[in-house]
Amino acid sequence: MVAVKYSRRSFLAISAALPMAAKSGKVPVGLELYSVRTELAKDLMGTVRKVAGMGYECVEFYAPYLKWDAARAKEVRKLLDELGVKCYSTHNSASAFDPANLDHAIELNKILGGKYIVMASPGRIEGGLDEWKKVAEKLTKAHEKMKAAGLRAGYHNHQREFRPVEGKRPIEVIAANTPKDVMLQLDVGTCLEAGSDPVAWIRANPGRIKDIHCKDWSSKAGKGYKVLFGEGDAPWKEIFQAAESVGGVEYYLIEQEGSDYPPFETVKRCLANFKKIHG
């Protein structure tokens, strides 16, 4: 056996590169609020309170939040602070990355205390891989401006990003043509439905999978995305192991498109399943 010596400087560099899970021993679990969208639309503050009461540690607001003004964002931040809940990222349409809207998105996300502004969809893509390269270019330009404000850009996949176009998966084009500090937010369910391996994707992109949308999917007839977290086809233990050992995961977000239960009951059951599987 050869003894390896590390300088203090190299030790600190290695320590800084470790994911949150390795440093704290626990990765926070939150909720993508699209999962309770009907309730959120009726009573935003009450919904956030209820979600926090279930034990969710963070939340992700989705596209409608961009209509807030700064005063509304400050009200929401005040509530989050009172509840001890974080908002690490927001889920946005491609229009939030347009020059006309980007400053407002940055302003709101800074008020909310966020780290990542995530592009949830690139909009209509009618061409081949060159069109996906344009998406990566838009993401990169926005990311440069976000970095100046202390934020980062992120990209969220759906099925089409994992389905080959001209012999290559669009998500590979996004990853290859954006800076390494652009977060790749992995939606597990859509990755599975497209026939891809989420564990392999995490391992192929070390340090970039800062967040995982914990959405399950079932190949059983009639189930699809209506299955609760942990009751579908996703190999969650392997996903968690890869995410926390090489992926660089900082937080998890449960996302649910619906189930046989009402929305609040659905996300309560999903969180209970998460805790059983992840620990």
C-alpha atoms as a PDB file:
ATOM      1  CA  MET A   1       0.000   0.000   0.000  1.00  0.00           C
ATOM      2  CA  VAL A   2       1.322   3.443  -0.924  1.00  0.00           C
ATOM      3  CA  ALA A   3       0.757   6.203   1.602  1.00  0.00           C
ATOM      4  CA  VAL A   4      -0.725   9.340   0.067  1.00  0.00           C
ATOM      5  CA  LYS A   5       0.000  12.702   1.665  1.00  0.00           C
ATOM      6  CA  TYR A   6      -2.281  15.685   1.274  1.00  0.00           C
ATOM      7  CA  SER A   7      -1.338  19.276   1.866  1.00  0.00           C
ATOM      8  CA  ARG A   8      -3.693  21.464   3.875  1.00  0.00           C
ATOM      9  CA  ARG A   9      -4.594  23.314   0.682  1.00  0.00           C
ATOM     10  CA  SER A  10      -5.483  20.126  -1.221  1.00  0.00           C
ATOM     11  CA  PHE A  11      -7.486  18.858   1.761  1.00  0.00           C
ATOM     12  CA  LEU A  12      -9.555  22.060   1.807  1.00  0.00           C
ATOM     13  CA  ALA A  13     -10.091  21.864  -1.941  1.00  0.00           C
ATOM     14  CA  ILE A  14     -11.333  18.292  -1.691  1.00  0.00           C
ATOM     15  CA  SER A  15     -13.585  19.170   1.244  1.00  0.00           C
ATOM     16  CA  ALA A  16     -15.134  22.073  -0.665  1.00  0.00           C
ATOM     17  CA  ALA A  17     -15.988  19.754  -3.534  1.00  0.00           C
ATOM     18  CA  LEU A  18     -17.908  17.306  -1.361  1.00  0.00           C
ATOM     19  CA  PRO A  19     -21.685  17.377  -1.805  1.00  0.00           C
ATOM     20  CA  MET A  20     -23.954  18.671   0.923  1.00  0.00           C
ATOM     21  CA  ALA A  21     -24.889  15.133   1.905  1.00  0.00           C
ATOM     22  CA  ALA A  22     -21.313  14.238   2.779  1.00  0.00           C
ATOM     23  CA  LYS A  23     -20.846  17.398   4.822  1.00  0.00           C
ATOM     24  CA  SER A  24     -24.062  17.382   6.825  1.00  0.00           C
ATOM     25  CA  GLY A  25     -25.089  13.749   6.609  1.00  0.00           C
ATOM     26  CA  LYS A  26     -28.565  14.734   5.447  1.00  0.00           C
ATOM     27  CA  VAL A  27     -29.935  16.144   2.216  1.00  0.00           C
ATOM     28  CA  PRO A  28     -33.098  18.209   2.736  1.00  0.00           C
ATOM     29  CA  VAL A  29     -36.289  17.050   1.035  1.00  0.00           C
ATOM     30  CA  GLY A  30     -38.812  19.516  -0.314  1.00  0.00           C
ATOM     31  CA  LEU A  31     -41.836  19.796  -2.553  1.00  0.00           C
ATOM     32  CA  GLU A  32     -42.228  21.096  -6.085  1.00  0.00           C
ATOM     33  CA  LEU A  33     -45.399  23.112  -5.465  1.00  0.00           C
ATOM     34  CA  TYR A  34     -46.865  22.170  -8.839  1.00  0.00           C
ATOM     35  CA  SER A  35     -47.829  19.004  -6.958  1.00  0.00           C
ATOM     36  CA  VAL A  36     -50.468  21.033  -5.039  1.00  0.00           C
ATOM     37  CA  ARG A  37     -51.140  23.583  -7.762  1.00  0.00           C
ATOM     38  CA  THR A  38     -54.924  23.834  -7.323  1.00  0.00           C
ATOM     39  CA  GLU A  39     -54.565  24.523  -3.600  1.00  0.00           C
ATOM     40  CA  LEU A  40     -51.667  26.927  -4.199  1.00  0.00           C
ATOM     41  CA  ALA A  41     -53.749  28.959  -6.640  1.00  0.00           C
ATOM     42  CA  LYS A  42     -56.516  29.328  -4.046  1.00  0.00           C
ATOM     43  CA  ASP A  43     -54.373  30.016  -0.971  1.00  0.00           C
ATOM     44  CA  LEU A  44     -50.640  30.369  -1.459  1.00  0.00           C
ATOM     45  CA  MET A  45     -49.720  31.168   2.130  1.00  0.00           C
ATOM     46  CA  GLY A  46     -52.010  28.531   3.615  1.00  0.00           C
ATOM     47  CA  THR A  47     -50.688  25.900   1.230  1.00  0.00           C
ATOM     48  CA  VAL A  48     -47.060  26.645   2.093  1.00  0.00           C
ATOM     49  CA  ARG A  49     -47.933  26.460   5.804  1.00  0.00           C
ATOM     50  CA  LYS A  50     -49.618  23.094   5.341  1.00  0.00           C
ATOM     51  CA  VAL A  51     -46.724  21.685   3.335  1.00  0.00           C
ATOM     52  CA  ALA A  52     -44.246  22.836   5.982  1.00  0.00           C
ATOM     53  CA  GLY A  53     -46.402  21.244   8.669  1.00  0.00           C
ATOM     54  CA  MET A  54     -46.039  17.885   6.921  1.00  0.00           C
ATOM     55  CA  GLY A  55     -42.279  18.055   7.343  1.00  0.00           C
ATOM     56  CA  TYR A  56     -41.129  19.366   3.968  1.00  0.00           C
ATOM     57  CA  GLU A  57     -37.914  21.353   4.424  1.00  0.00           C
ATOM     58  CA  CYS A  58     -37.910  23.336   1.200  1.00  0.00           C
ATOM     59  CA  VAL A  59     -40.252  24.285  -1.637  1.00  0.00           C
ATOM     60  CA  GLU A  60     -39.914  25.125  -5.307  1.00  0.00           C
ATOM     61  CA  PHE A  61     -42.294  27.702  -6.741  1.00  0.00           C
ATOM     62  CA  TYR A  62     -43.210  27.292 -10.395  1.00  0.00           C
ATOM     63  CA  ALA A  63     -43.905  29.666 -13.304  1.00  0.00           C
ATOM     64  CA  PRO A  64     -46.832  31.784 -11.932  1.00  0.00           C
ATOM     65  CA  TYR A  65     -44.550  33.225  -9.241  1.00  0.00           C
ATOM     66  CA  LEU A  66     -42.943  35.393 -11.933  1.00  0.00           C
ATOM     67  CA  LYS A  67     -46.084  37.574 -11.887  1.00  0.00           C
ATOM     68  CA  TRP A  68     -45.317  38.647  -8.322  1.00  0.00           C
ATOM     69  CA  ASP A  69     -43.856  42.024  -7.561  1.00  0.00           C
ATOM     70  CA  ALA A  70     -41.016  42.496  -5.086  1.00  0.00           C
ATOM     71  CA  ALA A  71     -43.423  43.254  -2.228  1.00  0.00           C
ATOM     72  CA  ARG A  72     -45.224  39.944  -2.710  1.00  0.00           C
ATOM     73  CA  ALA A  73     -41.930  38.049  -2.857  1.00  0.00           C
ATOM     74  CA  LYS A  74     -40.897  39.667   0.443  1.00  0.00           C
ATOM     75  CA  GLU A  75     -44.177  38.548   2.050  1.00  0.00           C
ATOM     76  CA  VAL A  76     -43.537  34.991   0.887  1.00  0.00           C
ATOM     77  CA  ARG A  77     -39.926  35.096   2.101  1.00  0.00           C
ATOM     78  CA  LYS A  78     -41.095  36.312   5.507  1.00  0.00           C
ATOM     79  CA  LEU A  79     -43.419  33.316   5.741  1.00  0.00           C
ATOM     80  CA  LEU A  80     -40.683  30.904   4.673  1.00  0.00           C
ATOM     81  CA  ASP A  81     -38.360  32.284   7.332  1.00  0.00           C
ATOM     82  CA  GLU A  82     -41.072  31.955   9.977  1.00  0.00           C
ATOM     83  CA  LEU A  83     -41.610  28.330   8.996  1.00  0.00           C
ATOM     84  CA  GLY A  84     -37.921  27.503   8.681  1.00  0.00           C
ATOM     85  CA  VAL A  85     -38.444  26.477   5.049  1.00  0.00           C
ATOM     86  CA  LYS A  86     -36.021  27.229   2.201  1.00  0.00           C
ATOM     87  CA  CYS A  87     -36.590  27.990  -1.462  1.00  0.00           C
ATOM     88  CA  TYR A  88     -33.432  26.840  -3.202  1.00  0.00           C
ATOM     89  CA  SER A  89     -34.801  27.088  -6.747  1.00  0.00           C
ATOM     90  CA  THR A  90     -37.715  28.120  -8.928  1.00  0.00           C
ATOM     91  CA  HIS A  91     -39.258  26.316 -11.910  1.00  0.00           C
ATOM     92  CA  ASN A  92     -39.569  28.612 -14.939  1.00  0.00           C
ATOM     93  CA  SER A  93     -40.754  28.732 -18.519  1.00  0.00           C
ATOM     94  CA  ALA A  94     -38.187  29.685 -21.155  1.00  0.00           C
ATOM     95  CA  SER A  95     -39.584  33.237 -21.231  1.00  0.00           C
ATOM     96  CA  ALA A  96     -38.063  33.915 -17.793  1.00  0.00           C
ATOM     97  CA  PHE A  97     -34.664  33.658 -19.512  1.00  0.00           C
ATOM     98  CA  ASP A  98     -35.527  36.316 -22.091  1.00  0.00           C
ATOM     99  CA  PRO A  99     -33.699  39.629 -21.631  1.00  0.00           C
ATOM    100  CA  ALA A 100     -37.029  41.380 -20.997  1.00  0.00           C
ATOM    101  CA  ASN A 101     -37.841  39.140 -18.017  1.00  0.00           C
ATOM    102  CA  LEU A 102     -34.488  38.020 -16.655  1.00  0.00           C
ATOM    103  CA  ASP A 103     -33.863  40.977 -14.341  1.00  0.00           C
ATOM    104  CA  HIS A 104     -37.248  40.451 -12.696  1.00  0.00           C
ATOM    105  CA  ALA A 105     -36.613  36.727 -12.280  1.00  0.00           C
ATOM    106  CA  ILE A 106     -33.251  37.460 -10.671  1.00  0.00           C
ATOM    107  CA  GLU A 107     -34.805  40.051  -8.349  1.00  0.00           C
ATOM    108  CA  LEU A 108     -37.516  37.685  -7.126  1.00  0.00           C
ATOM    109  CA  ASN A 109     -35.173  34.733  -6.679  1.00  0.00           C
ATOM    110  CA  LYS A 110     -32.726  36.806  -4.655  1.00  0.00           C
ATOM    111  CA  ILE A 111     -35.553  37.941  -2.376  1.00  0.00           C
ATOM    112  CA  LEU A 112     -36.675  34.334  -1.932  1.00  0.00           C
ATOM    113  CA  GLY A 113     -33.136  33.324  -1.005  1.00  0.00           C
ATOM    114  CA  GLY A 114     -32.748  30.999  -3.948  1.00  0.00           C
ATOM    115  CA  LYS A 115     -29.660  29.562  -5.596  1.00  0.00           C
ATOM    116  CA  TYR A 116     -30.932  28.287  -8.952  1.00  0.00           C
ATOM    117  CA  ILE A 117     -33.305  29.623 -11.596  1.00  0.00           C
ATOM    118  CA  VAL A 118     -34.336  26.519 -13.507  1.00  0.00           C
ATOM    119  CA  MET A 119     -35.554  26.407 -17.101  1.00  0.00           C
ATOM    120  CA  ALA A 120     -38.385  23.885 -16.902  1.00  0.00           C
ATOM    121  CA  SER A 121     -39.049  23.840 -20.636  1.00  0.00           C
ATOM    122  CA  PRO A 122     -37.304  25.314 -23.672  1.00  0.00           C
ATOM    123  CA  GLY A 123     -40.608  25.905 -25.449  1.00  0.00           C
ATOM    124  CA  ARG A 124     -41.344  24.611 -28.935  1.00  0.00           C
ATOM    125  CA  ILE A 125     -38.429  22.873 -30.647  1.00  0.00           C
ATOM    126  CA  GLU A 126     -39.130  22.084 -34.285  1.00  0.00           C
ATOM    127  CA  GLY A 127     -35.652  21.476 -35.644  1.00  0.00           C
ATOM    128  CA  GLY A 128     -32.812  19.088 -34.891  1.00  0.00           C
ATOM    129  CA  LEU A 129     -29.815  19.287 -32.603  1.00  0.00           C
ATOM    130  CA  ASP A 130     -28.910  22.787 -33.777  1.00  0.00           C
ATOM    131  CA  GLU A 131     -32.121  24.001 -32.124  1.00  0.00           C
ATOM    132  CA  TRP A 132     -31.066  22.375 -28.868  1.00  0.00           C
ATOM    133  CA  LYS A 133     -27.687  24.095 -29.144  1.00  0.00           C
ATOM    134  CA  LYS A 134     -29.580  27.393 -29.306  1.00  0.00           C
ATOM    135  CA  VAL A 135     -31.367  26.449 -26.079  1.00  0.00           C
ATOM    136  CA  ALA A 136     -27.974  25.803 -24.476  1.00  0.00           C
ATOM    137  CA  GLU A 137     -26.747  29.175 -25.748  1.00  0.00           C
ATOM    138  CA  LYS A 138     -29.747  30.960 -24.228  1.00  0.00           C
ATOM    139  CA  LEU A 139     -29.219  29.144 -20.961  1.00  0.00           C
ATOM    140  CA  THR A 140     -25.520  30.047 -20.924  1.00  0.00           C
ATOM    141  CA  LYS A 141     -26.115  33.754 -21.579  1.00  0.00           C
ATOM    142  CA  ALA A 142     -28.678  33.937 -18.786  1.00  0.00           C
ATOM    143  CA  HIS A 143     -26.355  32.002 -16.499  1.00  0.00           C
ATOM    144  CA  GLU A 144     -23.604  34.575 -16.970  1.00  0.00           C
ATOM    145  CA  LYS A 145     -25.935  37.341 -15.793  1.00  0.00           C
ATOM    146  CA  MET A 146     -27.249  35.232 -12.918  1.00  0.00           C
ATOM    147  CA  LYS A 147     -23.711  34.527 -11.690  1.00  0.00           C
ATOM    148  CA  ALA A 148     -23.072  38.242 -11.371  1.00  0.00           C
ATOM    149  CA  ALA A 149     -26.064  38.333  -8.999  1.00  0.00           C
ATOM    150  CA  GLY A 150     -24.913  35.314  -6.989  1.00  0.00           C
ATOM    151  CA  LEU A 151     -27.308  32.852  -8.635  1.00  0.00           C
ATOM    152  CA  ARG A 152     -26.975  29.948 -11.065  1.00  0.00           C
ATOM    153  CA  ALA A 153     -29.051  28.640 -13.957  1.00  0.00           C
ATOM    154  CA  GLY A 154     -30.475  25.160 -14.124  1.00  0.00           C
ATOM    155  CA  TYR A 155     -32.166  22.946 -16.684  1.00  0.00           C
ATOM    156  CA  HIS A 156     -35.022  20.506 -16.020  1.00  0.00           C
ATOM    157  CA  ASN A 157     -35.565  17.553 -18.351  1.00  0.00           C
ATOM    158  CA  HIS A 158     -38.761  15.986 -19.609  1.00  0.00           C
ATOM    159  CA  GLN A 159     -39.139  12.919 -21.849  1.00  0.00           C
ATOM    160  CA  ARG A 160     -38.024  14.565 -25.082  1.00  0.00           C
ATOM    161  CA  GLU A 161     -34.595  15.504 -23.754  1.00  0.00           C
ATOM    162  CA  PHE A 162     -33.835  11.801 -23.292  1.00  0.00           C
ATOM    163  CA  ARG A 163     -35.174  10.684 -26.681  1.00  0.00           C
ATOM    164  CA  PRO A 164     -32.492  10.652 -29.411  1.00  0.00           C
ATOM    165  CA  VAL A 165     -32.560  13.265 -32.151  1.00  0.00           C
ATOM    166  CA  GLU A 166     -30.179  12.707 -35.048  1.00  0.00           C
ATOM    167  CA  GLY A 167     -28.581   9.919 -33.038  1.00  0.00           C
ATOM    168  CA  LYS A 168     -28.018  11.956 -29.870  1.00  0.00           C
ATOM    169  CA  ARG A 169     -30.121  12.770 -26.821  1.00  0.00           C
ATOM    170  CA  PRO A 170     -30.859  16.505 -26.506  1.00  0.00           C
ATOM    171  CA  ILE A 171     -29.997  16.450 -22.802  1.00  0.00           C
ATOM    172  CA  GLU A 172     -26.441  15.499 -23.784  1.00  0.00           C
ATOM    173  CA  VAL A 173     -26.321  18.567 -26.031  1.00  0.00           C
ATOM    174  CA  ILE A 174     -27.531  20.767 -23.166  1.00  0.00           C
ATOM    175  CA  ALA A 175     -24.916  19.309 -20.818  1.00  0.00           C
ATOM    176  CA  ALA A 176     -22.051  19.591 -23.315  1.00  0.00           C
ATOM    177  CA  ASN A 177     -22.827  23.152 -24.372  1.00  0.00           C
ATOM    178  CA  THR A 178     -23.395  24.802 -20.981  1.00  0.00           C
ATOM    179  CA  PRO A 179     -20.899  25.655 -18.225  1.00  0.00           C
ATOM    180  CA  LYS A 180     -20.238  22.959 -15.656  1.00  0.00           C
ATOM    181  CA  ASP A 181     -21.837  25.068 -12.939  1.00  0.00           C
ATOM    182  CA  VAL A 182     -25.204  25.080 -14.727  1.00  0.00           C
ATOM    183  CA  MET A 183     -27.297  22.677 -12.676  1.00  0.00           C
ATOM    184  CA  LEU A 184     -28.884  19.673 -14.398  1.00  0.00           C
ATOM    185  CA  GLN A 185     -32.129  19.139 -12.487  1.00  0.00           C
ATOM    186  CA  LEU A 186     -33.027  15.494 -13.024  1.00  0.00           C
ATOM    187  CA  ASP A 187     -36.697  14.556 -13.389  1.00  0.00           C
ATOM    188  CA  VAL A 188     -36.527  10.825 -12.700  1.00  0.00           C
ATOM    189  CA  GLY A 189     -39.999   9.873 -13.914  1.00  0.00           C
ATOM    190  CA  THR A 190     -39.682  11.370 -17.378  1.00  0.00           C
ATOM    191  CA  CYS A 191     -36.180   9.945 -17.720  1.00  0.00           C
ATOM    192  CA  LEU A 192     -37.564   6.469 -17.000  1.00  0.00           C
ATOM    193  CA  GLU A 193     -40.524   6.822 -19.349  1.00  0.00           C
ATOM    194  CA  ALA A 194     -38.144   7.794 -22.158  1.00  0.00           C
ATOM    195  CA  GLY A 195     -36.246   4.545 -21.587  1.00  0.00           C
ATOM    196  CA  SER A 196     -33.114   6.059 -20.049  1.00  0.00           C
ATOM    197  CA  ASP A 197     -31.217   5.096 -16.915  1.00  0.00           C
ATOM    198  CA  PRO A 198     -31.255   7.867 -14.274  1.00  0.00           C
ATOM    199  CA  VAL A 199     -28.386   6.314 -12.319  1.00  0.00           C
ATOM    200  CA  ALA A 200     -26.163   6.222 -15.401  1.00  0.00           C
ATOM    201  CA  TRP A 201     -27.044   9.846 -16.174  1.00  0.00           C
ATOM    202  CA  ILE A 202     -26.095  10.968 -12.669  1.00  0.00           C
ATOM    203  CA  ARG A 203     -22.768   9.148 -12.870  1.00  0.00           C
ATOM    204  CA  ALA A 204     -22.059  10.633 -16.296  1.00  0.00           C
ATOM    205  CA  ASN A 205     -22.445  14.174 -14.917  1.00  0.00           C
ATOM    206  CA  PRO A 206     -20.600  14.315 -11.586  1.00  0.00           C
ATOM    207  CA  GLY A 207     -21.225  17.411  -9.519  1.00  0.00           C
ATOM    208  CA  ARG A 208     -23.984  18.757 -11.774  1.00  0.00           C
ATOM    209  CA  ILE A 209     -27.060  16.967 -10.395  1.00  0.00           C
ATOM    210  CA  LYS A 210     -27.633  19.479  -7.599  1.00  0.00           C
ATOM    211  CA  ASP A 211     -31.315  18.646  -7.338  1.00  0.00           C
ATOM    212  CA  ILE A 212     -33.509  15.684  -8.218  1.00  0.00           C
ATOM    213  CA  HIS A 213     -37.233  15.853  -8.884  1.00  0.00           C
ATOM    214  CA  CYS A 214     -38.343  12.705  -7.100  1.00  0.00           C
ATOM    215  CA  LYS A 215     -41.198  11.775  -9.397  1.00  0.00           C
ATOM    216  CA  ASP A 216     -41.914   8.097  -9.909  1.00  0.00           C
ATOM    217  CA  TRP A 217     -43.293   6.356 -12.970  1.00  0.00           C
ATOM    218  CA  SER A 218     -44.824   2.925 -13.452  1.00  0.00           C
ATOM    219  CA  SER A 219     -44.847   0.826 -16.604  1.00  0.00           C
ATOM    220  CA  LYS A 220     -47.969  -0.983 -15.389  1.00  0.00           C
ATOM    221  CA  ALA A 221     -51.048  -0.283 -17.475  1.00  0.00           C
ATOM    222  CA  GLY A 222     -52.994   2.723 -16.265  1.00  0.00           C
ATOM    223  CA  LYS A 223     -50.415   3.796 -13.699  1.00  0.00           C
ATOM    224  CA  GLY A 224     -47.808   6.042 -15.325  1.00  0.00           C
ATOM    225  CA  TYR A 225     -47.217   9.182 -13.266  1.00  0.00           C
ATOM    226  CA  LYS A 226     -50.228   8.596 -11.032  1.00  0.00           C
ATOM    227  CA  VAL A 227     -48.217   6.189  -8.915  1.00  0.00           C
ATOM    228  CA  LEU A 228     -47.000   7.498  -5.563  1.00  0.00           C
ATOM    229  CA  PHE A 229     -43.322   8.092  -4.922  1.00  0.00           C
ATOM    230  CA  GLY A 230     -41.586   4.798  -4.163  1.00  0.00           C
ATOM    231  CA  GLU A 231     -44.334   2.655  -5.696  1.00  0.00           C
ATOM    232  CA  GLY A 232     -43.212   2.792  -9.308  1.00  0.00           C
ATOM    233  CA  ASP A 233     -40.258   1.558 -11.360  1.00  0.00           C
ATOM    234  CA  ALA A 234     -37.551   3.955 -10.138  1.00  0.00           C
ATOM    235  CA  PRO A 235     -34.575   2.324  -8.346  1.00  0.00           C
ATOM    236  CA  TRP A 236     -34.559   4.945  -5.604  1.00  0.00           C
ATOM    237  CA  LYS A 237     -31.845   3.479  -3.382  1.00  0.00           C
ATOM    238  CA  GLU A 238     -29.435   3.344  -6.324  1.00  0.00           C
ATOM    239  CA  ILE A 239     -30.458   6.864  -7.376  1.00  0.00           C
ATOM    240  CA  PHE A 240     -29.840   8.255  -3.894  1.00  0.00           C
ATOM    241  CA  GLN A 241     -26.485   6.502  -3.655  1.00  0.00           C
ATOM    242  CA  ALA A 242     -25.308   7.901  -6.986  1.00  0.00           C
ATOM    243  CA  ALA A 243     -26.680  11.373  -6.273  1.00  0.00           C
ATOM    244  CA  GLU A 244     -24.978  11.616  -2.890  1.00  0.00           C
ATOM    245  CA  SER A 245     -21.674  10.001  -3.848  1.00  0.00           C
ATOM    246  CA  VAL A 246     -20.947  11.604  -7.233  1.00  0.00           C
ATOM    247  CA  GLY A 247     -23.937  13.696  -8.344  1.00  0.00           C
ATOM    248  CA  GLY A 248     -23.376  16.559  -5.936  1.00  0.00           C
ATOM    249  CA  VAL A 249     -27.033  16.629  -4.864  1.00  0.00           C
ATOM    250  CA  GLU A 250     -27.894  19.471  -2.488  1.00  0.00           C
ATOM    251  CA  TYR A 251     -31.630  18.879  -2.047  1.00  0.00           C
ATOM    252  CA  TYR A 252     -34.451  16.633  -3.220  1.00  0.00           C
ATOM    253  CA  LEU A 253     -37.879  17.756  -4.425  1.00  0.00           C
ATOM    254  CA  ILE A 254     -40.867  15.452  -4.499  1.00  0.00           C
ATOM    255  CA  GLU A 255     -43.034  16.115  -7.537  1.00  0.00           C
ATOM    256  CA  GLN A 256     -46.385  14.495  -8.157  1.00  0.00           C
ATOM    257  CA  GLU A 257     -48.702  14.978 -11.112  1.00  0.00           C
ATOM    258  CA  GLY A 258     -51.649  13.372  -9.343  1.00  0.00           C
ATOM    259  CA  SER A 259     -52.789  10.112  -7.757  1.00  0.00           C
ATOM    260  CA  ASP A 260     -55.881   8.317  -6.458  1.00  0.00           C
ATOM    261  CA  TYR A 261     -55.760  10.588  -3.402  1.00  0.00           C
ATOM    262  CA  PRO A 262     -56.451  14.330  -2.969  1.00  0.00           C
ATOM    263  CA  PRO A 263     -53.358  16.536  -3.478  1.00  0.00           C
ATOM    264  CA  PHE A 264     -52.436  17.119   0.172  1.00  0.00           C
ATOM    265  CA  GLU A 265     -52.940  13.463   1.039  1.00  0.00           C
ATOM    266  CA  THR A 266     -50.865  12.526  -2.000  1.00  0.00           C
ATOM    267  CA  VAL A 267     -47.832  14.593  -1.034  1.00  0.00           C
ATOM    268  CA  LYS A 268     -48.116  13.511   2.607  1.00  0.00           C
ATOM    269  CA  ARG A 269     -47.975   9.849   1.563  1.00  0.00           C
ATOM    270  CA  CYS A 270     -45.096  10.559  -0.829  1.00  0.00           C
ATOM    271  CA  LEU A 271     -43.048  12.151   1.956  1.00  0.00           C
ATOM    272  CA  ALA A 272     -43.704   9.195   4.242  1.00  0.00           C
ATOM    273  CA  ASN A 273     -42.537   6.812   1.498  1.00  0.00           C
ATOM    274  CA  PHE A 274     -39.455   8.956   0.881  1.00  0.00           C
ATOM    275  CA  LYS A 275     -38.452   8.772   4.540  1.00  0.00           C
ATOM    276  CA  LYS A 276     -38.903   4.989   4.577  1.00  0.00           C
ATOM    277  CA  ILE A 277     -36.736   4.491   1.498  1.00  0.00           C
ATOM    278  CA  HIS A 278     -34.101   7.177   2.012  1.00  0.00           C
ATOM    279  CA  GLY A 279     -34.008   7.165   5.806  1.00  0.00           C
END
